[in-house]
Amino acid sequence: MSDTFPVAVALVARDAQASTGHAIRTSAMPLVPVVHPAIDIDLRYASADNISGRPLYDHGQALLHRDAMAALVRAADLAAAQGLRLRVYDAWRPAAAQWRLWQVLPDPAYVADPRVGSMHTRGIAVDLTLADAGGHPLDMGTGFDEMSAASAHGCTTITPQAQRHRAWLAGLMALSGWVHLGSEWWHYNLPDAARYPLIDDGSQAPRFVDAPVA
């Protein structure tokens, strides 16, 4: 990976500190920005367009562990070779946001118990979809974060075209070293998650634990 990535993370941390009053601790965070010519960023938890109905992130930068970013670059290269693009909905997730999601949907089939830790908080998971050359997302049968049986890999109740699109995404992600989560067509993570510790951004996760869900 380029030596410029840690510098970029430091700039993200500086901007986060200026706007929120607390810094992302780069020394404890082996994260790099998600940047590639064939990747578009649509970070849903930085807006209200998610299952909680409110922004969960105080940053708009998609970040991943450098190992995950290397695998995502491979996937993006494969997509680009087929005239396709990747659209990233989520990447590294701060612990505070994981607590908020758990409050909204405390179902381990879809949201990891924050006391155990999410693969997103380890920086090794990505939520994404395929898009055409113009950046328009392909039909996947359900929307991102639709927590239903129809969102599962291998679901045959969606249209044949949507099944093909899911298979395309699964194929290029598998070839790039990712493994899928059975209940969510959009979620992929690196194998051997236990090798990667949870990444603390200094956001004081318990601040959301007792907050009412609006």
C-alpha atoms as a PDB file:
ATOM      1  CA  MET A   1       0.000   0.000   0.000  1.00  0.00           C
ATOM      2  CA  SER A   2       1.105   3.572  -0.643  1.00  0.00           C
ATOM      3  CA  ASP A   3       3.067   5.315   2.083  1.00  0.00           C
ATOM      4  CA  THR A   4       0.728   8.301   1.617  1.00  0.00           C
ATOM      5  CA  PHE A   5      -2.180   6.477   3.267  1.00  0.00           C
ATOM      6  CA  PRO A   6      -1.075   7.011   6.902  1.00  0.00           C
ATOM      7  CA  VAL A   7      -0.655  10.711   6.117  1.00  0.00           C
ATOM      8  CA  ALA A   8      -4.204  10.808   4.763  1.00  0.00           C
ATOM      9  CA  VAL A   9      -5.508   9.164   7.922  1.00  0.00           C
ATOM     10  CA  ALA A  10      -3.703  11.765   9.996  1.00  0.00           C
ATOM     11  CA  LEU A  11      -5.426  14.512   7.994  1.00  0.00           C
ATOM     12  CA  VAL A  12      -8.802  12.848   8.565  1.00  0.00           C
ATOM     13  CA  ALA A  13      -8.010  12.725  12.287  1.00  0.00           C
ATOM     14  CA  ARG A  14      -7.044  16.394  12.298  1.00  0.00           C
ATOM     15  CA  ASP A  15     -10.300  17.378  10.581  1.00  0.00           C
ATOM     16  CA  ALA A  16     -12.358  15.189  12.939  1.00  0.00           C
ATOM     17  CA  GLN A  17     -10.731  16.820  15.945  1.00  0.00           C
ATOM     18  CA  ALA A  18     -11.447  20.278  14.600  1.00  0.00           C
ATOM     19  CA  SER A  19     -15.136  19.544  13.970  1.00  0.00           C
ATOM     20  CA  THR A  20     -16.008  17.277  16.892  1.00  0.00           C
ATOM     21  CA  GLY A  21     -13.570  18.116  19.660  1.00  0.00           C
ATOM     22  CA  HIS A  22     -12.011  14.632  19.878  1.00  0.00           C
ATOM     23  CA  ALA A  23      -9.359  13.127  17.671  1.00  0.00           C
ATOM     24  CA  ILE A  24      -9.233   9.778  15.976  1.00  0.00           C
ATOM     25  CA  ARG A  25      -6.198   8.134  17.577  1.00  0.00           C
ATOM     26  CA  THR A  26      -4.149   7.178  14.530  1.00  0.00           C
ATOM     27  CA  SER A  27      -1.418   5.554  16.617  1.00  0.00           C
ATOM     28  CA  ALA A  28      -3.901   2.893  17.708  1.00  0.00           C
ATOM     29  CA  MET A  29      -5.659   2.658  14.358  1.00  0.00           C
ATOM     30  CA  PRO A  30      -4.040   0.749  11.472  1.00  0.00           C
ATOM     31  CA  LEU A  31      -6.607   2.254   9.090  1.00  0.00           C
ATOM     32  CA  VAL A  32      -6.317   3.689   5.598  1.00  0.00           C
ATOM     33  CA  PRO A  33      -8.855   5.615   3.504  1.00  0.00           C
ATOM     34  CA  VAL A  34     -10.917   3.723   0.938  1.00  0.00           C
ATOM     35  CA  VAL A  35      -9.716   5.270  -2.319  1.00  0.00           C
ATOM     36  CA  HIS A  36      -9.775   3.661  -5.770  1.00  0.00           C
ATOM     37  CA  PRO A  37     -10.816   4.889  -9.239  1.00  0.00           C
ATOM     38  CA  ALA A  38     -13.549   2.208  -9.415  1.00  0.00           C
ATOM     39  CA  ILE A  39     -14.952   2.730  -5.882  1.00  0.00           C
ATOM     40  CA  ASP A  40     -17.701   5.193  -4.956  1.00  0.00           C
ATOM     41  CA  ILE A  41     -18.398   6.055  -1.310  1.00  0.00           C
ATOM     42  CA  ASP A  42     -21.975   6.283  -0.004  1.00  0.00           C
ATOM     43  CA  LEU A  43     -21.395   6.055   3.749  1.00  0.00           C
ATOM     44  CA  ARG A  44     -24.945   5.483   4.969  1.00  0.00           C
ATOM     45  CA  TYR A  45     -24.227   5.781   8.697  1.00  0.00           C
ATOM     46  CA  ALA A  46     -22.847   9.280   8.160  1.00  0.00           C
ATOM     47  CA  SER A  47     -26.379  10.325   7.150  1.00  0.00           C
ATOM     48  CA  ALA A  48     -29.920   9.621   8.340  1.00  0.00           C
ATOM     49  CA  ASP A  49     -30.403   7.117   5.477  1.00  0.00           C
ATOM     50  CA  ASN A  50     -29.978   4.009   7.633  1.00  0.00           C
ATOM     51  CA  ILE A  51     -32.001   1.762   9.945  1.00  0.00           C
ATOM     52  CA  SER A  52     -31.558   4.104  12.922  1.00  0.00           C
ATOM     53  CA  GLY A  53     -32.987   7.096  11.048  1.00  0.00           C
ATOM     54  CA  ARG A  54     -30.174   9.369  12.228  1.00  0.00           C
ATOM     55  CA  PRO A  55     -26.465   9.929  11.501  1.00  0.00           C
ATOM     56  CA  LEU A  56     -24.280   7.621  13.577  1.00  0.00           C
ATOM     57  CA  TYR A  57     -20.861   8.839  12.421  1.00  0.00           C
ATOM     58  CA  ASP A  58     -19.209  12.171  13.030  1.00  0.00           C
ATOM     59  CA  HIS A  59     -16.970  11.552  10.031  1.00  0.00           C
ATOM     60  CA  GLY A  60     -17.680  10.988   6.349  1.00  0.00           C
ATOM     61  CA  GLN A  61     -14.506   9.097   5.466  1.00  0.00           C
ATOM     62  CA  ALA A  62     -14.631   5.359   4.736  1.00  0.00           C
ATOM     63  CA  LEU A  63     -11.659   3.647   6.408  1.00  0.00           C
ATOM     64  CA  LEU A  64     -10.430   0.047   6.485  1.00  0.00           C
ATOM     65  CA  HIS A  65      -7.579  -1.932   7.982  1.00  0.00           C
ATOM     66  CA  ARG A  66      -4.782  -1.902   5.432  1.00  0.00           C
ATOM     67  CA  ASP A  67      -5.171  -5.684   4.906  1.00  0.00           C
ATOM     68  CA  ALA A  68      -8.847  -5.210   4.076  1.00  0.00           C
ATOM     69  CA  MET A  69      -8.064  -2.289   1.791  1.00  0.00           C
ATOM     70  CA  ALA A  70      -5.584  -4.417  -0.144  1.00  0.00           C
ATOM     71  CA  ALA A  71      -8.310  -7.034  -0.659  1.00  0.00           C
ATOM     72  CA  LEU A  72     -10.838  -4.370  -1.662  1.00  0.00           C
ATOM     73  CA  VAL A  73      -8.415  -2.995  -4.261  1.00  0.00           C
ATOM     74  CA  ARG A  74      -8.243  -6.478  -5.790  1.00  0.00           C
ATOM     75  CA  ALA A  75     -12.043  -6.625  -5.916  1.00  0.00           C
ATOM     76  CA  ALA A  76     -12.280  -3.151  -7.449  1.00  0.00           C
ATOM     77  CA  ASP A  77      -9.744  -4.087 -10.108  1.00  0.00           C
ATOM     78  CA  LEU A  78     -11.804  -7.164 -11.008  1.00  0.00           C
ATOM     79  CA  ALA A  79     -14.985  -5.095 -11.144  1.00  0.00           C
ATOM     80  CA  ALA A  80     -13.364  -2.442 -13.329  1.00  0.00           C
ATOM     81  CA  ALA A  81     -12.132  -5.094 -15.757  1.00  0.00           C
ATOM     82  CA  GLN A  82     -15.803  -6.019 -16.311  1.00  0.00           C
ATOM     83  CA  GLY A  83     -16.964  -2.421 -16.737  1.00  0.00           C
ATOM     84  CA  LEU A  84     -18.388  -2.291 -13.215  1.00  0.00           C
ATOM     85  CA  ARG A  85     -17.819  -0.254 -10.068  1.00  0.00           C
ATOM     86  CA  LEU A  86     -18.086  -0.843  -6.318  1.00  0.00           C
ATOM     87  CA  ARG A  87     -20.242   1.351  -4.087  1.00  0.00           C
ATOM     88  CA  VAL A  88     -19.248   1.224  -0.408  1.00  0.00           C
ATOM     89  CA  TYR A  89     -22.017   1.704   2.162  1.00  0.00           C
ATOM     90  CA  ASP A  90     -19.962   1.031   5.301  1.00  0.00           C
ATOM     91  CA  ALA A  91     -16.420   0.141   6.301  1.00  0.00           C
ATOM     92  CA  TRP A  92     -14.741   0.642   9.703  1.00  0.00           C
ATOM     93  CA  ARG A  93     -17.408   1.382  12.331  1.00  0.00           C
ATOM     94  CA  PRO A  94     -16.657   3.215  15.599  1.00  0.00           C
ATOM     95  CA  ALA A  95     -17.651   1.356  18.756  1.00  0.00           C
ATOM     96  CA  ALA A  96     -20.134   4.083  19.724  1.00  0.00           C
ATOM     97  CA  ALA A  97     -22.012   3.558  16.462  1.00  0.00           C
ATOM     98  CA  GLN A  98     -22.085  -0.192  17.069  1.00  0.00           C
ATOM     99  CA  TRP A  99     -23.794   0.428  20.404  1.00  0.00           C
ATOM    100  CA  ARG A 100     -26.386   2.651  18.705  1.00  0.00           C
ATOM    101  CA  LEU A 101     -27.151  -0.007  16.085  1.00  0.00           C
ATOM    102  CA  TRP A 102     -27.487  -2.616  18.828  1.00  0.00           C
ATOM    103  CA  GLN A 103     -30.039  -0.412  20.565  1.00  0.00           C
ATOM    104  CA  VAL A 104     -32.043  -0.143  17.352  1.00  0.00           C
ATOM    105  CA  LEU A 105     -31.804  -3.833  16.394  1.00  0.00           C
ATOM    106  CA  PRO A 106     -30.447  -6.115  19.169  1.00  0.00           C
ATOM    107  CA  ASP A 107     -30.478  -9.171  16.898  1.00  0.00           C
ATOM    108  CA  PRO A 108     -27.091 -10.908  16.483  1.00  0.00           C
ATOM    109  CA  ALA A 109     -28.249 -12.320  13.139  1.00  0.00           C
ATOM    110  CA  TYR A 110     -27.871  -8.815  11.733  1.00  0.00           C
ATOM    111  CA  VAL A 111     -26.012  -6.642  14.275  1.00  0.00           C
ATOM    112  CA  ALA A 112     -23.028  -7.847  16.305  1.00  0.00           C
ATOM    113  CA  ASP A 113     -23.319  -7.479  20.070  1.00  0.00           C
ATOM    114  CA  PRO A 114     -20.939  -4.583  20.815  1.00  0.00           C
ATOM    115  CA  ARG A 115     -19.770  -6.345  23.979  1.00  0.00           C
ATOM    116  CA  VAL A 116     -18.327  -9.002  21.672  1.00  0.00           C
ATOM    117  CA  GLY A 117     -17.333  -6.605  18.926  1.00  0.00           C
ATOM    118  CA  SER A 118     -18.172  -6.218  15.270  1.00  0.00           C
ATOM    119  CA  MET A 119     -15.924  -7.124  12.366  1.00  0.00           C
ATOM    120  CA  HIS A 120     -16.604  -3.580  11.188  1.00  0.00           C
ATOM    121  CA  THR A 121     -15.053  -2.249  14.405  1.00  0.00           C
ATOM    122  CA  ARG A 122     -11.996  -4.360  13.629  1.00  0.00           C
ATOM    123  CA  GLY A 123     -11.726  -2.568  10.292  1.00  0.00           C
ATOM    124  CA  ILE A 124     -11.956  -5.787   8.280  1.00  0.00           C
ATOM    125  CA  ALA A 125     -15.570  -5.698   7.054  1.00  0.00           C
ATOM    126  CA  VAL A 126     -17.171  -3.776   4.232  1.00  0.00           C
ATOM    127  CA  ASP A 127     -20.794  -3.307   3.173  1.00  0.00           C
ATOM    128  CA  LEU A 128     -21.068  -2.674  -0.545  1.00  0.00           C
ATOM    129  CA  THR A 129     -22.830  -3.276  -3.831  1.00  0.00           C
ATOM    130  CA  LEU A 130     -22.037  -3.388  -7.530  1.00  0.00           C
ATOM    131  CA  ALA A 131     -22.734  -0.467  -9.838  1.00  0.00           C
ATOM    132  CA  ASP A 132     -22.595  -0.017 -13.599  1.00  0.00           C
ATOM    133  CA  ALA A 133     -19.926   2.054 -15.334  1.00  0.00           C
ATOM    134  CA  GLY A 134     -21.957   5.203 -14.682  1.00  0.00           C
ATOM    135  CA  GLY A 135     -22.104   4.538 -10.942  1.00  0.00           C
ATOM    136  CA  HIS A 136     -25.730   3.402 -10.828  1.00  0.00           C
ATOM    137  CA  PRO A 137     -26.210   0.545  -8.328  1.00  0.00           C
ATOM    138  CA  LEU A 138     -27.332  -2.763  -9.784  1.00  0.00           C
ATOM    139  CA  ASP A 139     -30.596  -4.330  -8.632  1.00  0.00           C
ATOM    140  CA  MET A 140     -29.828  -6.685  -5.738  1.00  0.00           C
ATOM    141  CA  GLY A 141     -33.424  -7.589  -4.920  1.00  0.00           C
ATOM    142  CA  THR A 142     -33.490  -5.714  -1.603  1.00  0.00           C
ATOM    143  CA  GLY A 143     -32.015  -2.497  -0.338  1.00  0.00           C
ATOM    144  CA  PHE A 144     -28.988  -2.128   1.880  1.00  0.00           C
ATOM    145  CA  ASP A 145     -29.785  -2.895   5.524  1.00  0.00           C
ATOM    146  CA  GLU A 146     -33.129  -4.528   4.708  1.00  0.00           C
ATOM    147  CA  MET A 147     -33.088  -7.008   7.571  1.00  0.00           C
ATOM    148  CA  SER A 148     -35.201  -9.774   6.083  1.00  0.00           C
ATOM    149  CA  ALA A 149     -34.907 -13.289   4.675  1.00  0.00           C
ATOM    150  CA  ALA A 150     -34.896 -11.822   1.165  1.00  0.00           C
ATOM    151  CA  SER A 151     -31.493 -10.219   1.874  1.00  0.00           C
ATOM    152  CA  ALA A 152     -29.796 -13.577   2.475  1.00  0.00           C
ATOM    153  CA  HIS A 153     -27.254 -15.024   0.066  1.00  0.00           C
ATOM    154  CA  GLY A 154     -28.846 -17.772  -2.005  1.00  0.00           C
ATOM    155  CA  CYS A 155     -32.352 -16.332  -1.738  1.00  0.00           C
ATOM    156  CA  THR A 156     -34.362 -17.490  -4.776  1.00  0.00           C
ATOM    157  CA  THR A 157     -37.494 -15.388  -4.198  1.00  0.00           C
ATOM    158  CA  ILE A 158     -35.903 -12.316  -5.775  1.00  0.00           C
ATOM    159  CA  THR A 159     -35.710 -11.873  -9.553  1.00  0.00           C
ATOM    160  CA  PRO A 160     -33.243 -13.949 -11.585  1.00  0.00           C
ATOM    161  CA  GLN A 161     -31.461 -10.736 -12.573  1.00  0.00           C
ATOM    162  CA  ALA A 162     -30.968  -9.730  -8.932  1.00  0.00           C
ATOM    163  CA  GLN A 163     -29.706 -13.230  -8.149  1.00  0.00           C
ATOM    164  CA  ARG A 164     -27.153 -12.897 -10.947  1.00  0.00           C
ATOM    165  CA  HIS A 165     -26.011  -9.524  -9.640  1.00  0.00           C
ATOM    166  CA  ARG A 166     -25.512 -10.952  -6.154  1.00  0.00           C
ATOM    167  CA  ALA A 167     -23.551 -13.842  -7.646  1.00  0.00           C
ATOM    168  CA  TRP A 168     -21.312 -11.431  -9.560  1.00  0.00           C
ATOM    169  CA  LEU A 169     -20.552  -9.529  -6.366  1.00  0.00           C
ATOM    170  CA  ALA A 170     -19.981 -12.716  -4.370  1.00  0.00           C
ATOM    171  CA  GLY A 171     -17.664 -14.105  -7.036  1.00  0.00           C
ATOM    172  CA  LEU A 172     -15.360 -11.117  -7.348  1.00  0.00           C
ATOM    173  CA  MET A 173     -15.244 -10.652  -3.564  1.00  0.00           C
ATOM    174  CA  ALA A 174     -14.402 -14.341  -2.999  1.00  0.00           C
ATOM    175  CA  LEU A 175     -11.664 -14.178  -5.629  1.00  0.00           C
ATOM    176  CA  SER A 176     -10.238 -11.175  -3.773  1.00  0.00           C
ATOM    177  CA  GLY A 177     -10.002 -12.942  -0.402  1.00  0.00           C
ATOM    178  CA  TRP A 178     -13.285 -11.979   1.271  1.00  0.00           C
ATOM    179  CA  VAL A 179     -15.880 -14.196   2.941  1.00  0.00           C
ATOM    180  CA  HIS A 180     -19.595 -13.435   3.033  1.00  0.00           C
ATOM    181  CA  LEU A 181     -22.173 -13.175   5.809  1.00  0.00           C
ATOM    182  CA  GLY A 182     -25.053 -15.494   4.994  1.00  0.00           C
ATOM    183  CA  SER A 183     -27.852 -13.183   6.120  1.00  0.00           C
ATOM    184  CA  GLU A 184     -26.692 -10.033   4.263  1.00  0.00           C
ATOM    185  CA  TRP A 185     -25.812  -9.909   0.563  1.00  0.00           C
ATOM    186  CA  TRP A 186     -23.923  -6.607   1.072  1.00  0.00           C
ATOM    187  CA  HIS A 187     -21.587  -7.711   3.915  1.00  0.00           C
ATOM    188  CA  TYR A 188     -18.111  -9.157   3.385  1.00  0.00           C
ATOM    189  CA  ASN A 189     -15.208  -9.529   5.787  1.00  0.00           C
ATOM    190  CA  LEU A 190     -11.699 -10.917   5.890  1.00  0.00           C
ATOM    191  CA  PRO A 191     -11.315 -14.461   7.266  1.00  0.00           C
ATOM    192  CA  ASP A 192      -9.688 -15.149  10.645  1.00  0.00           C
ATOM    193  CA  ALA A 193     -11.265 -12.127  12.295  1.00  0.00           C
ATOM    194  CA  ALA A 194      -9.747 -13.028  15.678  1.00  0.00           C
ATOM    195  CA  ARG A 195      -6.342 -11.984  14.300  1.00  0.00           C
ATOM    196  CA  TYR A 196      -7.545  -8.392  14.225  1.00  0.00           C
ATOM    197  CA  PRO A 197      -8.209  -6.494  17.471  1.00  0.00           C
ATOM    198  CA  LEU A 198     -11.068  -4.067  17.897  1.00  0.00           C
ATOM    199  CA  ILE A 199      -9.973  -0.573  16.892  1.00  0.00           C
ATOM    200  CA  ASP A 200     -10.634   2.164  19.441  1.00  0.00           C
ATOM    201  CA  ASP A 201     -11.108   5.657  18.071  1.00  0.00           C
ATOM    202  CA  GLY A 202     -11.387   7.317  21.489  1.00  0.00           C
ATOM    203  CA  SER A 203     -15.082   8.094  20.979  1.00  0.00           C
ATOM    204  CA  GLN A 204     -16.119   6.748  24.385  1.00  0.00           C
ATOM    205  CA  ALA A 205     -18.566   4.057  23.255  1.00  0.00           C
ATOM    206  CA  PRO A 206     -20.622   4.024  26.499  1.00  0.00           C
ATOM    207  CA  ARG A 207     -21.869   7.552  25.776  1.00  0.00           C
ATOM    208  CA  PHE A 208     -24.608   6.049  23.565  1.00  0.00           C
ATOM    209  CA  VAL A 209     -25.509   3.054  25.720  1.00  0.00           C
ATOM    210  CA  ASP A 210     -28.150   4.776  27.837  1.00  0.00           C
ATOM    211  CA  ALA A 211     -29.218   7.375  25.277  1.00  0.00           C
ATOM    212  CA  PRO A 212     -32.864   7.153  24.175  1.00  0.00           C
ATOM    213  CA  VAL A 213     -33.481   6.028  20.612  1.00  0.00           C
ATOM    214  CA  ALA A 214     -35.358   8.758  18.761  1.00  0.00           C
END
